[in-house]
Each structure stands twice: as C-alpha cells, then as structure tokens.
C-alpha cells in the first residue's frame, strides 16, 4: 500500500515537527513521573485507567505526526510561473458571480478557508489545479458555480 503524500509549506512542516517534539517530551515526562498504582484495594484504580488512556492518546497522535513527517512533500515555488498555471502554493485570483476572490492553494493539513487557504483536495482546489489564467472552471456542488481565473501569483503561503 502506498503512503499518502502530505503537501506542506516550510512553515507548516515546522509546526508539525514542533508539535511532535512537544508531545514526545510530554510522553517521556509522563512515563518518568509517578504513575498511579494499578490496583486500589481490589478494584482497578481510576487514576491508573485515566493515565493509560492519556498515554494511549499521546501515542496515537505521535504515530500520526510521524507518518505526516515521513510522507511530507514540501510545496516549492512553481516551475509554471511563465505560463500562469495554477499550482500548489499559488495565490489565485478568481471571479465568481461578479465578485473577485483571492486564495492560496495549499495541502489539506494547512487548509483554512477563513484565512484564504484552500486545500488541493477540495472540489475548488482540484478543479483549479493545472488551469491557466483566463480559463473558466465549472464546479458543481448543490448548484453549478463558474470560477473565472483572473490571475496567478507564485510564492509560498
């Protein structure tokens, strides 16, 4: 089975690595500290169960972050600059229903529509990837919307 690629900006990868290191340190600190006793009289100690649950959550998140770091692909400046082609990391200006919108195309882990960052896996992102300035792209959701690509700037989000 092929691992999924995670497209990240340099800043996005740095944030993931920072979270990973912080959680690793937390896990080691918890493991070194006093863990509650397994039994409290003849019943399982609820503090011990909570401790084990916390350690389990930490371990799962650490494995997720390791997978992301291992399969990360940095978004680099586009080679299509002269062609006006939409690519990862591109800032795209579109016209929708007479209104201009601008957003940056990023990987799914960094998508934040409220900050103007849309995922390459979203319907709009998928439809715009590889398109050129001047093209119209129809995107069907409950209703069909036409996106007219007005401009593409290159730089990393």
Protein backbone atom coordinates (compact mmCIF):
# COMPACT_ATOMS: atom_id res chain seq x y z
CA UNK A 1 0.00 0.00 0.00
CA UNK A 2 1.35 3.41 -0.98
CA UNK A 3 1.57 6.04 1.73
CA UNK A 4 -0.39 9.25 1.25
CA UNK A 5 1.68 12.35 0.47
CA UNK A 6 1.11 15.35 2.73
CA UNK A 7 1.77 18.62 0.92
CA UNK A 8 3.07 21.24 3.35
CA UNK A 9 4.72 24.63 3.25
CA UNK A 10 8.01 25.02 5.11
CA UNK A 11 6.14 26.76 7.96
CA UNK A 12 3.52 24.01 8.07
CA UNK A 13 6.17 21.29 8.32
CA UNK A 14 7.96 23.24 11.06
CA UNK A 15 4.68 23.44 13.06
CA UNK A 16 4.13 19.69 12.70
CA UNK A 17 7.69 18.93 13.83
CA UNK A 18 7.34 21.30 16.78
CA UNK A 19 4.11 19.61 17.90
CA UNK A 20 5.77 16.20 17.53
CA UNK A 21 8.74 17.17 19.71
CA UNK A 22 6.49 18.77 22.33
CA UNK A 23 4.28 15.66 22.57
CA UNK A 24 7.32 13.36 22.68
CA UNK A 25 8.72 15.33 25.60
CA UNK A 26 5.33 15.22 27.33
CA UNK A 27 5.10 11.45 26.85
CA UNK A 28 8.58 10.91 28.31
CA UNK A 29 7.83 13.24 31.22
CA UNK A 30 4.60 11.34 31.99
CA UNK A 31 6.39 7.99 31.71
CA UNK A 32 9.19 9.13 34.05
CA UNK A 33 6.78 10.58 36.57
CA UNK A 34 4.92 8.59 39.13
CA UNK A 35 2.22 6.52 37.53
CA UNK A 36 -0.78 5.63 39.67
CA UNK A 37 -0.93 2.16 41.13
CA UNK A 38 -2.71 -0.49 39.08
CA UNK A 39 -5.00 -1.65 41.89
CA UNK A 40 -6.77 0.32 44.52
CA UNK A 41 -7.87 -2.27 47.05
CA UNK A 42 -9.48 -4.96 44.86
CA UNK A 43 -10.75 -2.63 42.10
CA UNK A 44 -8.90 -1.07 39.23
CA UNK A 45 -7.63 2.37 40.13
CA UNK A 46 -9.50 5.02 38.06
CA UNK A 47 -6.40 7.26 38.12
CA UNK A 48 -4.39 4.44 36.55
CA UNK A 49 -7.02 3.95 33.84
CA UNK A 50 -7.04 7.69 33.06
CA UNK A 51 -3.23 7.67 32.93
CA UNK A 52 -3.24 4.73 30.49
CA UNK A 53 -5.87 6.44 28.34
CA UNK A 54 -3.83 9.66 28.20
CA UNK A 55 -0.71 7.71 27.21
CA UNK A 56 -2.70 5.92 24.51
CA UNK A 57 -3.94 9.22 23.04
CA UNK A 58 -0.39 10.61 23.07
CA UNK A 59 0.96 7.52 21.33
CA UNK A 60 -1.69 7.65 18.59
CA UNK A 61 -1.07 11.35 17.90
CA UNK A 62 2.70 10.78 17.84
CA UNK A 63 2.25 7.99 15.28
CA UNK A 64 0.05 10.27 13.14
CA UNK A 65 2.65 13.04 13.25
CA UNK A 66 5.48 10.61 12.44
CA UNK A 67 3.53 9.45 9.39
CA UNK A 68 2.95 13.04 8.25
CA UNK A 69 6.64 13.95 8.68
CA UNK A 70 7.78 10.77 6.91
CA UNK A 71 5.44 11.38 3.96
CA UNK A 72 5.69 15.17 3.78
CA UNK A 73 6.30 16.80 0.43
CA UNK A 74 7.31 20.44 0.59
CA UNK A 75 5.41 22.87 -1.60
CA UNK A 76 8.08 24.52 -3.73
CA UNK A 77 7.82 27.54 -5.99
CA UNK A 78 6.08 26.55 -9.20
CA UNK A 79 8.02 25.79 -12.38
CA UNK A 80 5.00 27.10 -14.34
CA UNK A 81 5.48 30.78 -13.43
CA UNK A 82 5.67 31.98 -17.01
CA UNK A 83 2.60 30.03 -18.06
CA UNK A 84 0.17 31.37 -15.44
CA UNK A 85 -0.72 27.83 -14.39
CA UNK A 86 -2.39 27.20 -11.01
CA UNK A 87 -0.18 25.01 -8.80
CA UNK A 88 0.29 24.24 -5.11
CA UNK A 89 1.45 27.38 -3.33
CA UNK A 90 -0.14 29.64 -5.96
CA UNK A 91 -2.20 32.64 -4.96
CA UNK A 92 -5.18 32.55 -7.28
CA UNK A 93 -7.50 35.44 -8.11
CA UNK A 94 -10.89 34.26 -9.39
CA UNK A 95 -14.16 35.90 -10.27
CA UNK A 96 -17.31 34.19 -9.03
CA UNK A 97 -20.73 35.69 -9.75
CA UNK A 98 -19.13 39.08 -10.46
CA UNK A 99 -17.08 39.13 -7.25
CA UNK A 100 -13.32 38.75 -7.02
CA UNK A 101 -11.88 36.28 -4.52
CA UNK A 102 -8.28 35.50 -3.77
CA UNK A 103 -6.92 32.44 -2.06
CA UNK A 104 -3.80 30.32 -1.78
CA UNK A 105 -3.80 26.66 -2.80
CA UNK A 106 -2.22 24.52 -0.05
CA UNK A 107 -2.23 20.91 1.15
CA UNK A 108 -5.17 19.61 3.17
CA UNK A 109 -3.37 19.88 6.54
CA UNK A 110 -2.90 23.63 6.16
CA UNK A 111 -6.27 24.48 4.62
CA UNK A 112 -8.09 27.32 6.38
CA UNK A 113 -10.78 28.91 4.21
CA UNK A 114 -11.29 31.77 6.68
CA UNK A 115 -7.62 32.69 6.17
CA UNK A 116 -7.86 32.36 2.39
CA UNK A 117 -6.14 28.96 2.17
CA UNK A 118 -7.96 26.18 0.32
CA UNK A 119 -6.97 22.55 0.01
CA UNK A 120 -5.76 20.94 -3.17
CA UNK A 121 -8.19 18.12 -2.28
CA UNK A 122 -11.27 20.37 -2.08
CA UNK A 123 -13.62 20.48 -5.07
CA UNK A 124 -12.47 24.02 -5.95
CA UNK A 125 -8.78 23.21 -5.43
CA UNK A 126 -8.97 20.04 -7.54
CA UNK A 127 -10.78 21.87 -10.33
CA UNK A 128 -8.31 24.76 -10.45
CA UNK A 129 -5.05 22.79 -10.29
CA UNK A 130 -3.28 22.89 -13.64
CA UNK A 131 -5.63 25.50 -15.13
CA UNK A 132 -4.42 28.77 -16.67
CA UNK A 133 -5.27 32.45 -16.35
CA UNK A 134 -8.34 33.24 -18.44
CA UNK A 135 -9.88 29.76 -18.18
CA UNK A 136 -13.34 29.18 -16.76
CA UNK A 137 -13.92 26.25 -14.45
CA UNK A 138 -17.38 24.92 -13.60
CA UNK A 139 -17.67 23.46 -10.12
CA UNK A 140 -20.79 21.54 -9.23
CA UNK A 141 -21.98 21.37 -5.69
CA UNK A 142 -25.68 21.76 -4.94
CA UNK A 143 -25.61 24.34 -7.74
CA UNK A 144 -23.09 24.93 -10.50
CA UNK A 145 -20.66 27.80 -10.00
CA UNK A 146 -18.34 29.23 -12.64
CA UNK A 147 -14.87 30.32 -11.49
CA UNK A 148 -13.00 32.60 -13.91
CA UNK A 149 -9.27 32.60 -13.23
CA UNK A 150 -8.14 36.23 -13.34
CA UNK A 151 -4.59 35.93 -12.05
CA UNK A 152 -1.99 33.67 -10.52
CA UNK A 153 0.90 34.78 -8.30
CA UNK A 154 3.57 32.46 -7.07
CA UNK A 155 5.00 32.33 -3.61
CA UNK A 156 4.68 30.12 -0.63
CA UNK A 157 1.81 30.53 1.78
